[in-house]
């Protein structure tokens, strides 16, 4: 499912929830959305053909200012 389809599905569910007065149905929808979000968080991010082919080396003369780190 792509992002556009997912957003459309969420919008449709939101419209339905606004019209529902039965708390059981609302709770079931809430649990379903919570489960979907947990499943998305567990999915491993695919790096593809670059996986394991990059490394970072910080030499002794490496430095970065607080502004460059975004801490200013």
C-alpha atoms as a PDB file:
ATOM      1  CA  UNK A   1       0.000   0.000   0.000  1.00  0.00           C
ATOM      2  CA  UNK A   2       1.477   3.350  -0.968  1.00  0.00           C
ATOM      3  CA  UNK A   3       1.368   6.532   1.116  1.00  0.00           C
ATOM      4  CA  UNK A   4      -1.456   8.141  -0.864  1.00  0.00           C
ATOM      5  CA  UNK A   5      -3.693   5.095  -0.483  1.00  0.00           C
ATOM      6  CA  UNK A   6      -2.908   4.883   3.233  1.00  0.00           C
ATOM      7  CA  UNK A   7      -3.735   8.570   3.751  1.00  0.00           C
ATOM      8  CA  UNK A   8      -7.004   8.136   1.842  1.00  0.00           C
ATOM      9  CA  UNK A   9      -7.887   5.129   3.996  1.00  0.00           C
ATOM     10  CA  UNK A  10      -7.107   7.075   7.174  1.00  0.00           C
ATOM     11  CA  UNK A  11      -9.241  10.008   5.999  1.00  0.00           C
ATOM     12  CA  UNK A  12     -12.131   7.652   5.258  1.00  0.00           C
ATOM     13  CA  UNK A  13     -11.838   6.089   8.693  1.00  0.00           C
ATOM     14  CA  UNK A  14     -11.744   9.522  10.314  1.00  0.00           C
ATOM     15  CA  UNK A  15     -15.007  10.480   8.544  1.00  0.00           C
ATOM     16  CA  UNK A  16     -16.623   7.245   9.721  1.00  0.00           C
ATOM     17  CA  UNK A  17     -15.412   7.742  13.297  1.00  0.00           C
ATOM     18  CA  UNK A  18     -16.913  11.229  13.405  1.00  0.00           C
ATOM     19  CA  UNK A  19     -20.316   9.743  12.541  1.00  0.00           C
ATOM     20  CA  UNK A  20     -20.150   6.814  14.993  1.00  0.00           C
ATOM     21  CA  UNK A  21     -21.602   6.988  18.470  1.00  0.00           C
ATOM     22  CA  UNK A  22     -21.009   3.355  19.534  1.00  0.00           C
ATOM     23  CA  UNK A  23     -17.927   3.265  21.793  1.00  0.00           C
ATOM     24  CA  UNK A  24     -17.208  -0.410  21.016  1.00  0.00           C
ATOM     25  CA  UNK A  25     -16.764   0.323  17.320  1.00  0.00           C
ATOM     26  CA  UNK A  26     -14.591   3.352  18.077  1.00  0.00           C
ATOM     27  CA  UNK A  27     -12.386   1.291  20.409  1.00  0.00           C
ATOM     28  CA  UNK A  28     -12.029  -1.466  17.795  1.00  0.00           C
ATOM     29  CA  UNK A  29     -10.952   1.050  15.150  1.00  0.00           C
ATOM     30  CA  UNK A  30      -8.505   2.617  17.610  1.00  0.00           C
ATOM     31  CA  UNK A  31      -6.958  -0.784  18.389  1.00  0.00           C
ATOM     32  CA  UNK A  32      -6.656  -1.592  14.681  1.00  0.00           C
ATOM     33  CA  UNK A  33      -4.853   1.697  13.965  1.00  0.00           C
ATOM     34  CA  UNK A  34      -2.561   1.157  16.947  1.00  0.00           C
ATOM     35  CA  UNK A  35      -1.681  -2.341  15.682  1.00  0.00           C
ATOM     36  CA  UNK A  36      -0.930  -1.037  12.176  1.00  0.00           C
ATOM     37  CA  UNK A  37       1.378   1.645  13.587  1.00  0.00           C
ATOM     38  CA  UNK A  38       3.229  -0.915  15.718  1.00  0.00           C
ATOM     39  CA  UNK A  39       3.722  -3.174  12.691  1.00  0.00           C
ATOM     40  CA  UNK A  40       5.108  -0.273  10.647  1.00  0.00           C
ATOM     41  CA  UNK A  41       7.592   0.567  13.402  1.00  0.00           C
ATOM     42  CA  UNK A  42       8.864  -3.037  13.511  1.00  0.00           C
ATOM     43  CA  UNK A  43       9.601  -3.226   9.799  1.00  0.00           C
ATOM     44  CA  UNK A  44      13.302  -3.248   8.995  1.00  0.00           C
ATOM     45  CA  UNK A  45      14.396  -0.434   6.738  1.00  0.00           C
ATOM     46  CA  UNK A  46      15.853  -1.705   3.482  1.00  0.00           C
ATOM     47  CA  UNK A  47      19.166  -0.135   2.484  1.00  0.00           C
ATOM     48  CA  UNK A  48      19.484  -2.088  -0.723  1.00  0.00           C
ATOM     49  CA  UNK A  49      22.676  -2.409  -2.710  1.00  0.00           C
ATOM     50  CA  UNK A  50      24.610  -0.052  -0.373  1.00  0.00           C
ATOM     51  CA  UNK A  51      24.148  -2.290   2.663  1.00  0.00           C
ATOM     52  CA  UNK A  52      27.498  -2.956   4.329  1.00  0.00           C
ATOM     53  CA  UNK A  53      29.503  -0.955   1.777  1.00  0.00           C
ATOM     54  CA  UNK A  54      29.964   2.319   3.660  1.00  0.00           C
ATOM     55  CA  UNK A  55      32.034   3.246   6.665  1.00  0.00           C
ATOM     56  CA  UNK A  56      32.851   6.463   8.474  1.00  0.00           C
ATOM     57  CA  UNK A  57      36.299   7.309   9.766  1.00  0.00           C
ATOM     58  CA  UNK A  58      36.909  10.323  11.992  1.00  0.00           C
ATOM     59  CA  UNK A  59      40.566  11.333  11.850  1.00  0.00           C
ATOM     60  CA  UNK A  60      42.412  13.057  14.684  1.00  0.00           C
ATOM     61  CA  UNK A  61      42.139  16.487  13.046  1.00  0.00           C
ATOM     62  CA  UNK A  62      38.355  16.238  12.553  1.00  0.00           C
ATOM     63  CA  UNK A  63      36.302  18.998  14.151  1.00  0.00           C
ATOM     64  CA  UNK A  64      32.828  20.411  13.941  1.00  0.00           C
ATOM     65  CA  UNK A  65      31.469  23.620  15.426  1.00  0.00           C
ATOM     66  CA  UNK A  66      28.304  23.695  17.568  1.00  0.00           C
ATOM     67  CA  UNK A  67      26.601  25.631  14.738  1.00  0.00           C
ATOM     68  CA  UNK A  68      27.333  22.822  12.294  1.00  0.00           C
ATOM     69  CA  UNK A  69      25.925  20.309  14.779  1.00  0.00           C
ATOM     70  CA  UNK A  70      22.757  22.401  15.061  1.00  0.00           C
ATOM     71  CA  UNK A  71      23.289  22.979  18.765  1.00  0.00           C
ATOM     72  CA  UNK A  72      23.628  26.758  18.570  1.00  0.00           C
END
